[in-house]
Amino acid sequence: MSEVIELESIDIKIPPDRIGVLIGREGSVKKMIEERTECRIKVDSKNGVITLTRGENAVGFLKARDVINAIALGFNPEIALKILDDDFTILETIDLSSYISQKAMERVKGRIIGKEGKMRRLIEETLNVHVSIYDKFVSIIGNFEGVSAAREAIEMLIDGAQHSTVQKFMERKKREIEMRSMDWYKIS
């Protein structure tokens, strides 16, 4: 017989410069996450540890964890909170250190951002996602298909693909996603 272990609380380590963002003005962000997910958030600002305690809503607990992680990874709360708005909105994180050396980190992050932020903006607008580049992480918030395509595009950039090649790839993916959604509407 298998035993089910329910997680009651988890500790999430976040960078010191993101604690104030998580708390928000007069605790507004923290309070909103707690209210919308039925969880409790305890902030240890000295050690940068957030303790998330589950309420009745197990899905809310998982979504609260993702919102806290999104804020820790550099997203502003307005974008991070989109994870709570929709069952299809997810957070995906790429740890650049598992792909490249520390020495190549700034160069590769620069390729993903592009001149004056153009490549990052192009990824966001073409695939309808939000992208954050913070420390050694590239994080994406959006629906599954958009996030999956954005991850693939970012991995192409990490591997050294030309921006024009990645742009063509994203345009093709965007058309495929639009075609699938049109097929979905025909069925329903």
Protein backbone atom coordinates (compact mmCIF):
# COMPACT_ATOMS: atom_id res chain seq x y z
CA MET A 1 0.00 0.00 0.00
CA SER A 2 1.38 3.40 -0.95
CA GLU A 3 1.35 6.33 1.40
CA VAL A 4 0.41 9.83 0.26
CA ILE A 5 2.44 12.57 1.89
CA GLU A 6 0.90 16.02 1.72
CA LEU A 7 3.19 19.00 1.76
CA GLU A 8 2.07 21.47 4.41
CA SER A 9 4.76 24.11 3.93
CA ILE A 10 7.91 24.84 1.97
CA ASP A 11 10.79 27.26 2.35
CA ILE A 12 11.76 29.28 -0.71
CA LYS A 13 15.06 31.17 -0.73
CA ILE A 14 14.86 34.47 -2.60
CA PRO A 15 17.47 37.16 -3.28
CA PRO A 16 17.51 40.01 -0.72
CA ASP A 17 16.73 42.61 -3.41
CA ARG A 18 13.46 40.80 -4.28
CA ILE A 19 12.01 40.59 -0.75
CA GLY A 20 10.56 44.10 -0.84
CA VAL A 21 9.03 43.38 -4.25
CA LEU A 22 7.36 40.25 -2.87
CA ILE A 23 6.00 42.11 0.14
CA GLY A 24 4.83 45.13 -1.88
CA ARG A 25 3.78 48.54 -0.66
CA GLU A 26 2.32 48.10 2.85
CA GLY A 27 2.27 44.32 2.30
CA SER A 28 -0.10 44.53 -0.67
CA VAL A 29 1.53 41.89 -2.91
CA LYS A 30 2.02 39.37 -0.10
CA LYS A 31 -1.56 39.93 1.05
CA MET A 32 -2.96 39.48 -2.47
CA ILE A 33 -1.10 36.18 -2.95
CA GLU A 34 -2.35 34.94 0.43
CA GLU A 35 -5.96 35.91 -0.27
CA ARG A 36 -6.09 34.47 -3.78
CA THR A 37 -4.37 31.16 -2.94
CA GLU A 38 -5.60 30.57 0.65
CA CYS A 39 -1.96 30.20 1.76
CA ARG A 40 0.08 31.91 4.47
CA ILE A 41 3.38 33.59 3.64
CA LYS A 42 5.98 34.22 6.33
CA VAL A 43 8.95 36.39 5.34
CA ASP A 44 12.33 36.08 7.05
CA SER A 45 13.99 39.11 5.46
CA LYS A 46 17.23 38.63 7.35
CA ASN A 47 17.89 35.24 5.73
CA GLY A 48 15.87 35.71 2.55
CA VAL A 49 13.65 32.73 3.31
CA ILE A 50 9.96 32.72 2.51
CA THR A 51 7.89 30.06 4.26
CA LEU A 52 4.76 29.19 2.31
CA THR A 53 2.12 27.30 4.28
CA ARG A 54 -0.68 25.52 2.49
CA GLY A 55 -4.33 26.24 3.16
CA GLU A 56 -7.28 24.17 1.92
CA ASN A 57 -6.48 24.82 -1.74
CA ALA A 58 -3.66 22.50 -2.97
CA VAL A 59 -3.61 24.10 -6.44
CA GLY A 60 -3.43 27.53 -4.81
CA PHE A 61 -0.37 26.33 -2.87
CA LEU A 62 1.43 25.32 -6.09
CA LYS A 63 0.45 28.55 -7.83
CA ALA A 64 1.59 30.65 -4.84
CA ARG A 65 4.96 28.85 -4.97
CA ASP A 66 5.27 29.71 -8.67
CA VAL A 67 4.32 33.36 -8.11
CA ILE A 68 6.92 33.70 -5.34
CA ASN A 69 9.54 32.03 -7.55
CA ALA A 70 8.61 34.31 -10.48
CA ILE A 71 9.09 37.41 -8.31
CA ALA A 72 12.39 35.97 -7.00
CA LEU A 73 13.47 35.49 -10.64
CA GLY A 74 12.98 39.15 -11.51
CA PHE A 75 9.37 39.45 -12.71
CA ASN A 76 7.36 42.37 -11.45
CA PRO A 77 4.39 41.29 -9.33
CA GLU A 78 1.83 42.36 -11.95
CA ILE A 79 3.24 39.80 -14.40
CA ALA A 80 3.94 37.12 -11.76
CA LEU A 81 0.34 37.33 -10.53
CA LYS A 82 -0.89 36.30 -14.00
CA ILE A 83 -0.04 32.76 -12.89
CA LEU A 84 -3.05 32.99 -10.56
CA ASP A 85 -5.40 34.30 -13.24
CA ASP A 86 -5.46 31.34 -15.55
CA ASP A 87 -5.04 27.58 -15.22
CA PHE A 88 -3.03 27.58 -18.44
CA THR A 89 -0.42 30.17 -17.39
CA ILE A 90 2.85 28.59 -16.28
CA LEU A 91 6.35 29.55 -15.18
CA GLU A 92 9.37 27.92 -16.84
CA THR A 93 12.97 28.60 -15.82
CA ILE A 94 16.18 27.92 -17.71
CA ASP A 95 19.35 27.73 -15.62
CA LEU A 96 22.00 29.08 -17.98
CA SER A 97 24.80 27.56 -15.87
CA SER A 98 23.68 24.10 -17.00
CA TYR A 99 24.29 25.15 -20.64
CA ILE A 100 27.30 27.45 -20.57
CA SER A 101 30.34 28.43 -18.50
CA GLN A 102 30.29 31.38 -16.14
CA LYS A 103 32.74 33.10 -18.50
CA ALA A 104 30.20 33.02 -21.37
CA MET A 105 27.24 34.08 -19.17
CA GLU A 106 27.16 37.82 -19.94
CA ARG A 107 27.66 37.30 -23.67
CA VAL A 108 24.82 34.74 -23.90
CA LYS A 109 22.50 36.85 -21.75
CA GLY A 110 23.27 39.74 -24.13
CA ARG A 111 22.31 37.56 -27.11
CA ILE A 112 18.97 36.68 -25.49
CA ILE A 113 18.25 40.32 -24.64
CA GLY A 114 19.52 41.65 -27.98
CA LYS A 115 20.51 45.19 -28.88
CA GLU A 116 18.42 47.61 -26.79
CA GLY A 117 16.25 44.66 -25.65
CA LYS A 118 15.00 43.95 -29.16
CA MET A 119 15.35 40.13 -29.13
CA ARG A 120 13.71 39.72 -25.75
CA ARG A 121 10.85 41.99 -26.84
CA LEU A 122 10.50 40.01 -30.07
CA ILE A 123 10.25 36.73 -28.14
CA GLU A 124 7.61 38.25 -25.84
CA GLU A 125 5.52 39.81 -28.61
CA THR A 126 5.75 36.95 -31.12
CA LEU A 127 4.98 34.15 -28.67
CA ASN A 128 2.76 36.09 -26.25
CA VAL A 129 4.96 35.41 -23.22
CA HIS A 130 6.88 37.40 -20.60
CA VAL A 131 10.64 36.89 -20.24
CA SER A 132 12.89 37.77 -17.30
CA ILE A 133 16.67 37.49 -17.31
CA TYR A 134 17.94 37.61 -13.75
CA ASP A 135 21.26 36.36 -12.41
CA LYS A 136 21.95 33.05 -14.21
CA PHE A 137 18.29 32.35 -15.02
CA VAL A 138 16.02 33.05 -17.96
CA SER A 139 12.38 32.66 -16.93
CA ILE A 140 9.24 32.63 -19.05
CA ILE A 141 5.60 33.15 -18.09
CA GLY A 142 2.79 32.35 -20.53
CA ASN A 143 0.60 29.54 -21.79
CA PHE A 144 2.15 26.13 -22.34
CA GLU A 145 2.58 26.39 -26.12
CA GLY A 146 4.05 29.91 -25.99
CA VAL A 147 6.41 29.02 -23.15
CA SER A 148 7.52 25.84 -24.91
CA ALA A 149 8.26 27.72 -28.15
CA ALA A 150 10.03 30.54 -26.25
CA ARG A 151 12.19 27.99 -24.43
CA GLU A 152 13.16 26.44 -27.76
CA ALA A 153 13.98 29.88 -29.22
CA ILE A 154 16.10 30.79 -26.17
CA GLU A 155 17.93 27.45 -26.37
CA MET A 156 18.66 28.21 -30.05
CA LEU A 157 20.17 31.57 -28.99
CA ILE A 158 22.21 29.86 -26.25
CA ASP A 159 23.53 27.41 -28.89
CA GLY A 160 24.63 30.34 -31.08
CA ALA A 161 21.88 30.47 -33.72
CA GLN A 162 21.60 33.75 -35.59
CA HIS A 163 18.86 36.13 -34.46
CA SER A 164 17.26 36.00 -37.94
CA THR A 165 17.07 32.18 -37.77
CA VAL A 166 15.45 32.33 -34.33
CA GLN A 167 13.02 35.00 -35.55
CA LYS A 168 11.92 32.79 -38.48
CA PHE A 169 11.52 29.85 -36.10
CA MET A 170 9.32 31.94 -33.78
CA GLU A 171 7.16 33.19 -36.66
CA ARG A 172 6.60 29.59 -37.78
CA LYS A 173 5.73 28.50 -34.23
CA LYS A 174 3.34 31.44 -33.87
CA ARG A 175 1.50 30.38 -37.06
CA GLU A 176 1.33 26.75 -35.85
CA ILE A 177 -0.11 27.85 -32.49
CA GLU A 178 -2.67 30.10 -34.20
CA MET A 179 -3.70 27.29 -36.56
CA ARG A 180 -4.17 24.86 -33.66
CA SER A 181 -6.29 27.38 -31.77
CA MET A 182 -8.43 27.93 -34.89
CA ASP A 183 -8.90 24.15 -35.18
CA TRP A 184 -9.92 24.09 -31.52
CA TYR A 185 -12.61 26.72 -32.11
CA LYS A 186 -13.99 24.73 -35.07
CA ILE A 187 -14.41 21.67 -32.83
CA SER A 188 -16.15 23.50 -29.98
